[in-house]
Amino acid sequence: MAIVINLDVMMARRKMSLNELSQKVGLTTVNLSILKTGKARGVRFATLEAICKVLECQPGDILEFRE
């Protein structure tokens, strides 16, 4: 897949666990794990916005295009 999810990188930079992010964003750890591993088929803008607010980052910090 050409879109790479760097959620684990941003979580590590912020020293935040999947469980902690899950609670702050309001998503299940399973759904965040699916997103983190790149198995998600899509992501809602509202979800991306919530993650960016909690991690204090930009969407481009999480999503990356690679050929």
C-alpha atoms as a PDB file:
ATOM      1  CA  MET A   1       0.000   0.000   0.000  1.00  0.00           C
ATOM      2  CA  ALA A   2       1.313   3.467  -0.867  1.00  0.00           C
ATOM      3  CA  ILE A   3      -0.145   5.141   2.239  1.00  0.00           C
ATOM      4  CA  VAL A   4       1.917   4.496   5.369  1.00  0.00           C
ATOM      5  CA  ILE A   5       0.503   5.063   8.856  1.00  0.00           C
ATOM      6  CA  ASN A   6       3.058   6.498  11.297  1.00  0.00           C
ATOM      7  CA  LEU A   7       0.762   6.456  14.321  1.00  0.00           C
ATOM      8  CA  ASP A   8       3.179   4.323  16.332  1.00  0.00           C
ATOM      9  CA  VAL A   9       5.979   6.833  15.671  1.00  0.00           C
ATOM     10  CA  MET A  10       3.897   9.757  16.922  1.00  0.00           C
ATOM     11  CA  MET A  11       2.740   7.773  19.951  1.00  0.00           C
ATOM     12  CA  ALA A  12       6.364   6.960  20.811  1.00  0.00           C
ATOM     13  CA  ARG A  13       7.383  10.619  20.446  1.00  0.00           C
ATOM     14  CA  ARG A  14       4.610  11.616  22.847  1.00  0.00           C
ATOM     15  CA  LYS A  15       5.324   8.638  25.134  1.00  0.00           C
ATOM     16  CA  MET A  16       1.704   7.544  24.909  1.00  0.00           C
ATOM     17  CA  SER A  17       0.413   3.985  25.013  1.00  0.00           C
ATOM     18  CA  LEU A  18      -2.313   2.603  22.768  1.00  0.00           C
ATOM     19  CA  ASN A  19      -4.624   2.296  25.782  1.00  0.00           C
ATOM     20  CA  GLU A  20      -4.042   5.906  26.819  1.00  0.00           C
ATOM     21  CA  LEU A  21      -4.612   7.209  23.282  1.00  0.00           C
ATOM     22  CA  SER A  22      -7.719   5.055  22.986  1.00  0.00           C
ATOM     23  CA  GLN A  23      -9.234   6.573  26.131  1.00  0.00           C
ATOM     24  CA  LYS A  24      -8.397  10.153  25.139  1.00  0.00           C
ATOM     25  CA  VAL A  25      -9.672   9.787  21.554  1.00  0.00           C
ATOM     26  CA  GLY A  26     -12.747   7.745  22.436  1.00  0.00           C
ATOM     27  CA  LEU A  27     -12.034   4.763  20.181  1.00  0.00           C
ATOM     28  CA  THR A  28     -11.512   1.153  21.107  1.00  0.00           C
ATOM     29  CA  THR A  29      -7.972  -0.158  21.306  1.00  0.00           C
ATOM     30  CA  VAL A  30      -8.907  -2.682  18.606  1.00  0.00           C
ATOM     31  CA  ASN A  31      -9.887   0.054  16.132  1.00  0.00           C
ATOM     32  CA  LEU A  32      -6.756   2.074  16.898  1.00  0.00           C
ATOM     33  CA  SER A  33      -4.637  -1.049  16.547  1.00  0.00           C
ATOM     34  CA  ILE A  34      -6.146  -1.729  13.112  1.00  0.00           C
ATOM     35  CA  LEU A  35      -5.291   1.822  12.090  1.00  0.00           C
ATOM     36  CA  LYS A  36      -1.801   1.654  13.613  1.00  0.00           C
ATOM     37  CA  THR A  37      -0.901  -1.547  11.773  1.00  0.00           C
ATOM     38  CA  GLY A  38      -2.090  -0.162   8.440  1.00  0.00           C
ATOM     39  CA  LYS A  39      -4.939  -2.658   8.075  1.00  0.00           C
ATOM     40  CA  ALA A  40      -7.649   0.023   8.061  1.00  0.00           C
ATOM     41  CA  ARG A  41      -9.369   0.608   4.733  1.00  0.00           C
ATOM     42  CA  GLY A  42     -10.127   4.223   5.616  1.00  0.00           C
ATOM     43  CA  VAL A  43     -10.186   6.752   8.406  1.00  0.00           C
ATOM     44  CA  ARG A  44     -12.799   9.399   9.147  1.00  0.00           C
ATOM     45  CA  PHE A  45     -11.686  13.002   9.293  1.00  0.00           C
ATOM     46  CA  ALA A  46     -13.266  13.279  12.742  1.00  0.00           C
ATOM     47  CA  THR A  47     -11.111  10.386  13.961  1.00  0.00           C
ATOM     48  CA  LEU A  48      -7.984  11.847  12.386  1.00  0.00           C
ATOM     49  CA  GLU A  49      -8.796  15.229  13.938  1.00  0.00           C
ATOM     50  CA  ALA A  50      -9.235  13.698  17.403  1.00  0.00           C
ATOM     51  CA  ILE A  51      -5.943  11.794  17.134  1.00  0.00           C
ATOM     52  CA  CYS A  52      -4.113  14.938  15.988  1.00  0.00           C
ATOM     53  CA  LYS A  53      -5.553  16.965  18.876  1.00  0.00           C
ATOM     54  CA  VAL A  54      -4.460  14.410  21.459  1.00  0.00           C
ATOM     55  CA  LEU A  55      -1.002  13.855  19.929  1.00  0.00           C
ATOM     56  CA  GLU A  56      -0.588  17.558  19.117  1.00  0.00           C
ATOM     57  CA  CYS A  57       0.444  16.870  15.540  1.00  0.00           C
ATOM     58  CA  GLN A  58      -0.626  17.407  11.940  1.00  0.00           C
ATOM     59  CA  PRO A  59      -2.332  14.773   9.742  1.00  0.00           C
ATOM     60  CA  GLY A  60       0.856  14.646   7.646  1.00  0.00           C
ATOM     61  CA  ASP A  61       2.754  13.481  10.721  1.00  0.00           C
ATOM     62  CA  ILE A  62       0.552  10.384  10.822  1.00  0.00           C
ATOM     63  CA  LEU A  63      -0.167   9.706   7.140  1.00  0.00           C
ATOM     64  CA  GLU A  64       2.595   9.400   4.557  1.00  0.00           C
ATOM     65  CA  PHE A  65       2.607   8.540   0.849  1.00  0.00           C
ATOM     66  CA  ARG A  66       5.381   6.262  -0.423  1.00  0.00           C
ATOM     67  CA  GLU A  67       5.718   4.754  -3.865  1.00  0.00           C
END
